[in-house]
Amino acid sequence: MDKKFRTVVKRRFVERHGVRDEYAKLFSVNYLPDSQQEAGIDREGFNESLKRKIGDYDVVVVADYGHGLMDSTTMEIIQDKATFLALNCQTNSSNYGTNLITKYRRADIFTLDERELNLACANRTNEPGVLLSQLMIHFNNSRAGWATLGSLGSICMTGKHISRTPALTLSVQDTVGAGDGFFSLASLCARVGAPAEATSFIANIAGALAANILGNSRAVTKAELLKFATTLLKI
C-alpha cells in the first residue's frame, strides 16, 4: 500500500421524493487525487507487483472510474496478462466523455449502462444491440457484452445472439451502485460459463437489490440474492 495515495472520497447530499422511497441527489463533494499527488505515487512498484500477481487469479475484474489508477502501462499489463478480463468503465460527473471503454483493446466480457454505451460508440440513435456488437468487434470478439437499461432491464449479446432481461423490481431508493452490483455478478457468472440468460437474471437481481440500498451503505449479501432468486423462480 502506498501511504502517499489519498483514498477517493465522494459525498452525496440527497433528499427523498415526497412520499416515494426514491432519493435524488442535490449535490456532491468529491475528494479526488490531483496531479501533484499522483506524481509522488510509486507507479513502478505498483506495476511490478501487478505483473507478478495477476496471473494467479482466475478472473480480473476492472471497474475503471477514471480517477487516475489505470494509466496506460497498468492497462497494458492487465490486458496482456489477465486470464479472464471483465471490464467496466464508468462515466460520471468528474470524467464525462474522457473515460470511454474504447481506451481498452481487450475485454473477455464487459458491461455498460446506456449512456456509457452511446458515448463509447459516439452514437445516440442505434439500438443497444447494434452498439454492443460494435464494441465486441472492437475487443476482438468478446465472449459477451451487457448494457443495463434502467427500468427496461438489461440486454446481452453473445456472438450474434441478443437476449433481454426485464428489470426485477418496481421499488427503487438509490440507483447509485446498481450498475456495480450488476457488473460484479455478471463477471463471476460469465467466468464459470453460465448461460447468458442465467447470468443476466442473477446480475439483474444484484442490481435490483443494490438499487434499494441507500448510499452504498452496505453490500448485497449472498443470502439476499438467493432469497430473491428463489422468490422469483416460484412465481
Protein backbone atom coordinates (compact mmCIF):
# COMPACT_ATOMS: atom_id res chain seq x y z
CA MET A 1 0.00 0.00 0.00
CA ASP A 2 1.33 3.43 -0.96
CA LYS A 3 0.90 5.70 2.07
CA LYS A 4 1.14 8.77 -0.16
CA PHE A 5 -2.04 7.89 -2.00
CA ARG A 6 -5.21 9.57 -0.78
CA THR A 7 -8.36 7.49 -0.95
CA VAL A 8 -11.01 8.84 -3.32
CA VAL A 9 -14.00 10.06 -1.30
CA LYS A 10 -17.33 11.12 -2.81
CA ARG A 11 -20.03 12.63 -0.64
CA ARG A 12 -23.53 12.99 -1.99
CA PHE A 13 -26.29 15.03 -0.42
CA VAL A 14 -29.71 13.62 -1.22
CA GLU A 15 -33.37 14.20 -0.44
CA ARG A 16 -36.37 11.96 -0.54
CA HIS A 17 -39.00 12.44 -3.24
CA GLY A 18 -42.10 13.25 -1.20
CA VAL A 19 -43.96 10.09 -0.16
CA ARG A 20 -41.97 7.88 -2.53
CA ASP A 21 -38.97 5.83 -1.43
CA GLU A 22 -36.72 7.21 -4.15
CA TYR A 23 -33.97 9.68 -3.28
CA ALA A 24 -32.50 12.33 -5.60
CA LYS A 25 -29.03 13.87 -5.45
CA LEU A 26 -28.93 17.57 -4.59
CA PHE A 27 -25.17 18.00 -4.99
CA SER A 28 -21.92 16.20 -4.28
CA VAL A 29 -18.48 16.99 -2.87
CA ASN A 30 -15.66 14.88 -4.31
CA TYR A 31 -12.13 14.45 -2.99
CA LEU A 32 -10.07 13.21 -5.94
CA PRO A 33 -6.31 12.80 -6.46
CA ASP A 34 -4.63 15.77 -8.15
CA SER A 35 -1.65 15.71 -10.50
CA GLN A 36 0.78 16.70 -7.75
CA GLN A 37 -0.30 13.80 -5.55
CA GLU A 38 -0.11 11.33 -8.43
CA ALA A 39 3.46 12.40 -9.14
CA GLY A 40 4.56 11.04 -5.76
CA ILE A 41 2.99 7.61 -6.16
CA ASP A 42 5.26 4.59 -6.71
CA ARG A 43 3.78 3.60 -10.07
CA GLU A 44 6.72 1.39 -10.98
CA GLY A 45 6.41 -0.63 -7.80
CA PHE A 46 2.66 -0.99 -8.27
CA ASN A 47 3.02 -2.22 -11.84
CA GLU A 48 5.81 -4.66 -10.99
CA SER A 49 3.66 -6.14 -8.22
CA LEU A 50 0.76 -6.38 -10.65
CA LYS A 51 2.90 -8.27 -13.16
CA ARG A 52 3.93 -10.81 -10.51
CA LYS A 53 0.49 -11.46 -9.10
CA ILE A 54 -2.09 -11.06 -11.86
CA GLY A 55 -1.54 -14.50 -13.38
CA ASP A 56 -2.54 -16.17 -10.10
CA TYR A 57 -6.19 -15.18 -10.48
CA ASP A 58 -8.97 -16.87 -12.46
CA VAL A 59 -10.70 -13.59 -13.24
CA VAL A 60 -9.58 -9.96 -13.16
CA VAL A 61 -12.42 -7.50 -12.57
CA VAL A 62 -11.59 -3.96 -13.68
CA ALA A 63 -14.01 -1.25 -12.60
CA ASP A 64 -12.41 1.86 -14.10
CA TYR A 65 -13.87 5.03 -12.56
CA GLY A 66 -11.49 7.36 -14.37
CA HIS A 67 -9.78 8.72 -11.26
CA GLY A 68 -6.18 8.03 -12.26
CA LEU A 69 -5.34 4.49 -11.12
CA MET A 70 -5.45 2.96 -14.59
CA ASP A 71 -2.67 4.58 -16.61
CA SER A 72 -1.54 3.23 -19.99
CA THR A 73 1.14 0.96 -18.53
CA THR A 74 -1.21 -0.58 -15.98
CA MET A 75 -3.84 -1.12 -18.66
CA GLU A 76 -1.35 -2.92 -20.92
CA ILE A 77 -0.23 -5.24 -18.12
CA ILE A 78 -3.80 -6.19 -17.31
CA GLN A 79 -4.80 -6.72 -20.93
CA ASP A 80 -1.69 -8.80 -21.68
CA LYS A 81 -1.63 -10.97 -18.57
CA ALA A 82 -5.18 -11.37 -17.22
CA THR A 83 -6.50 -14.91 -17.64
CA PHE A 84 -10.06 -13.60 -17.96
CA LEU A 85 -10.77 -9.87 -18.06
CA ALA A 86 -14.14 -8.42 -17.01
CA LEU A 87 -14.32 -4.70 -17.76
CA ASN A 88 -16.49 -1.75 -16.84
CA CYS A 89 -15.67 1.94 -17.44
CA GLN A 90 -17.89 4.37 -15.58
CA THR A 91 -18.98 7.75 -16.83
CA ASN A 92 -19.58 10.24 -14.02
CA SER A 93 -19.62 13.98 -13.47
CA SER A 94 -15.85 14.03 -12.86
CA ASN A 95 -14.83 12.29 -16.08
CA TYR A 96 -17.68 12.82 -18.54
CA GLY A 97 -16.59 11.98 -22.08
CA THR A 98 -12.99 11.19 -21.11
CA ASN A 99 -13.28 7.69 -19.61
CA LEU A 100 -14.56 5.67 -22.56
CA ILE A 101 -14.30 1.89 -22.54
CA THR A 102 -12.78 2.01 -26.02
CA LYS A 103 -9.45 3.08 -24.49
CA TYR A 104 -9.06 -0.64 -23.80
CA ARG A 105 -8.34 -3.10 -26.60
CA ARG A 106 -9.34 -6.29 -24.78
CA ALA A 107 -12.25 -7.46 -22.66
CA ASP A 108 -13.50 -11.03 -22.34
CA ILE A 109 -16.78 -9.64 -21.06
CA PHE A 110 -17.91 -6.06 -20.39
CA THR A 111 -20.86 -4.14 -19.01
CA LEU A 112 -22.00 -0.55 -19.57
CA ASP A 113 -25.09 1.50 -18.96
CA GLU A 114 -26.91 3.01 -21.93
CA ARG A 115 -25.25 6.42 -21.67
CA GLU A 116 -21.77 4.88 -21.47
CA LEU A 117 -22.57 2.69 -24.47
CA ASN A 118 -23.71 5.69 -26.52
CA LEU A 119 -20.59 7.67 -25.63
CA ALA A 120 -18.26 4.79 -26.40
CA CYS A 121 -19.76 4.35 -29.86
CA ALA A 122 -20.38 8.09 -30.45
CA ASN A 123 -23.94 7.16 -31.34
CA ARG A 124 -27.27 8.02 -29.67
CA THR A 125 -29.63 6.64 -32.31
CA ASN A 126 -28.78 2.99 -32.96
CA GLU A 127 -30.28 0.20 -30.87
CA PRO A 128 -28.18 -1.01 -27.91
CA GLY A 129 -27.75 -4.39 -29.57
CA VAL A 130 -26.10 -2.80 -32.61
CA LEU A 131 -23.74 -0.81 -30.41
CA LEU A 132 -22.86 -3.85 -28.28
CA SER A 133 -21.95 -5.68 -31.48
CA GLN A 134 -19.61 -2.84 -32.46
CA LEU A 135 -17.85 -2.97 -29.10
CA MET A 136 -17.47 -6.73 -29.21
CA ILE A 137 -15.68 -6.38 -32.53
CA HIS A 138 -13.51 -3.60 -31.07
CA PHE A 139 -12.46 -6.01 -28.30
CA ASN A 140 -11.58 -8.69 -30.85
CA ASN A 141 -14.75 -10.68 -30.28
CA SER A 142 -15.57 -10.55 -26.58
CA ARG A 143 -17.43 -13.54 -25.21
CA ALA A 144 -20.30 -11.34 -24.04
CA GLY A 145 -21.34 -7.73 -23.54
CA TRP A 146 -24.15 -6.24 -21.47
CA ALA A 147 -25.92 -2.88 -21.45
CA THR A 148 -28.04 -2.00 -18.42
CA LEU A 149 -31.14 -0.01 -19.34
CA GLY A 150 -32.57 1.13 -16.02
CA SER A 151 -36.29 0.40 -15.75
CA LEU A 152 -36.09 -1.55 -19.02
CA GLY A 153 -33.74 -4.14 -17.54
CA SER A 154 -30.69 -5.23 -19.49
CA ILE A 155 -29.65 -6.51 -22.88
CA CYS A 156 -26.92 -9.07 -23.52
CA MET A 157 -25.05 -10.02 -26.68
CA THR A 158 -23.13 -13.28 -27.05
CA GLY A 159 -21.81 -13.89 -30.55
CA LYS A 160 -24.70 -12.79 -32.74
CA HIS A 161 -27.37 -13.72 -30.20
CA ILE A 162 -29.22 -11.00 -28.29
CA SER A 163 -31.25 -11.62 -25.14
CA ARG A 164 -33.21 -9.19 -22.98
CA THR A 165 -33.97 -9.44 -19.27
CA PRO A 166 -36.57 -7.21 -17.59
CA ALA A 167 -35.92 -5.12 -14.50
CA LEU A 168 -36.74 -7.25 -11.46
CA THR A 169 -38.00 -4.61 -9.05
CA LEU A 170 -40.55 -1.80 -9.05
CA SER A 171 -39.06 -0.36 -5.85
CA VAL A 172 -36.05 1.94 -6.17
CA GLN A 173 -34.42 4.08 -3.49
CA ASP A 174 -30.98 4.93 -4.87
CA THR A 175 -29.65 3.72 -8.22
CA VAL A 176 -26.02 4.58 -7.41
CA GLY A 177 -24.21 1.26 -7.14
CA ALA A 178 -26.82 -0.75 -9.02
CA GLY A 179 -24.61 -0.99 -12.11
CA ASP A 180 -21.67 -2.10 -9.97
CA GLY A 181 -23.78 -4.85 -8.44
CA PHE A 182 -24.83 -5.99 -11.89
CA PHE A 183 -21.23 -5.96 -13.14
CA SER A 184 -19.92 -7.95 -10.19
CA LEU A 185 -22.34 -10.84 -10.62
CA ALA A 186 -22.16 -10.80 -14.41
CA SER A 187 -18.36 -11.12 -14.17
CA LEU A 188 -18.48 -14.12 -11.85
CA CYS A 189 -21.24 -15.94 -13.70
CA ALA A 190 -19.61 -15.40 -17.08
CA ARG A 191 -16.28 -16.69 -15.78
CA VAL A 192 -17.75 -20.02 -14.71
CA GLY A 193 -19.51 -20.37 -18.07
CA ALA A 194 -23.11 -19.76 -17.01
CA PRO A 195 -25.54 -19.25 -19.93
CA ALA A 196 -26.13 -15.62 -20.88
CA GLU A 197 -29.78 -15.68 -19.82
CA ALA A 198 -28.94 -17.11 -16.39
CA THR A 199 -26.11 -14.60 -15.97
CA SER A 200 -28.41 -11.70 -16.84
CA PHE A 201 -31.05 -12.97 -14.41
CA ILE A 202 -28.61 -13.18 -11.49
CA ALA A 203 -26.94 -9.87 -12.37
CA ASN A 204 -30.30 -8.10 -12.64
CA ILE A 205 -31.19 -9.38 -9.17
CA ALA A 206 -27.97 -7.91 -7.78
CA GLY A 207 -28.77 -4.60 -9.48
CA ALA A 208 -32.32 -4.59 -8.12
CA LEU A 209 -31.13 -5.24 -4.57
CA ALA A 210 -28.40 -2.58 -4.83
CA ALA A 211 -30.96 -0.05 -6.07
CA ASN A 212 -32.66 -0.31 -2.69
CA ILE A 213 -29.57 0.29 -0.56
CA LEU A 214 -29.26 3.99 0.17
CA GLY A 215 -25.82 5.46 -0.44
CA ASN A 216 -23.97 2.16 -0.87
CA SER A 217 -24.16 1.86 2.90
CA ARG A 218 -23.65 -1.90 2.70
CA ALA A 219 -23.06 -4.67 0.19
CA VAL A 220 -25.62 -7.01 -1.31
CA THR A 221 -25.37 -10.33 0.52
CA LYS A 222 -25.42 -13.84 -0.90
CA ALA A 223 -28.39 -14.70 1.30
CA GLU A 224 -30.41 -11.76 -0.06
CA LEU A 225 -29.59 -12.67 -3.64
CA LEU A 226 -30.54 -16.34 -3.25
CA LYS A 227 -33.77 -15.46 -1.43
CA PHE A 228 -34.77 -13.01 -4.17
CA ALA A 229 -33.95 -15.56 -6.89
CA THR A 230 -35.94 -18.29 -5.14
CA THR A 231 -38.95 -15.99 -4.79
CA LEU A 232 -38.89 -15.11 -8.48
CA LEU A 233 -38.50 -18.71 -9.60
CA LYS A 234 -41.60 -19.68 -7.59
CA ILE A 235 -43.79 -17.10 -9.36
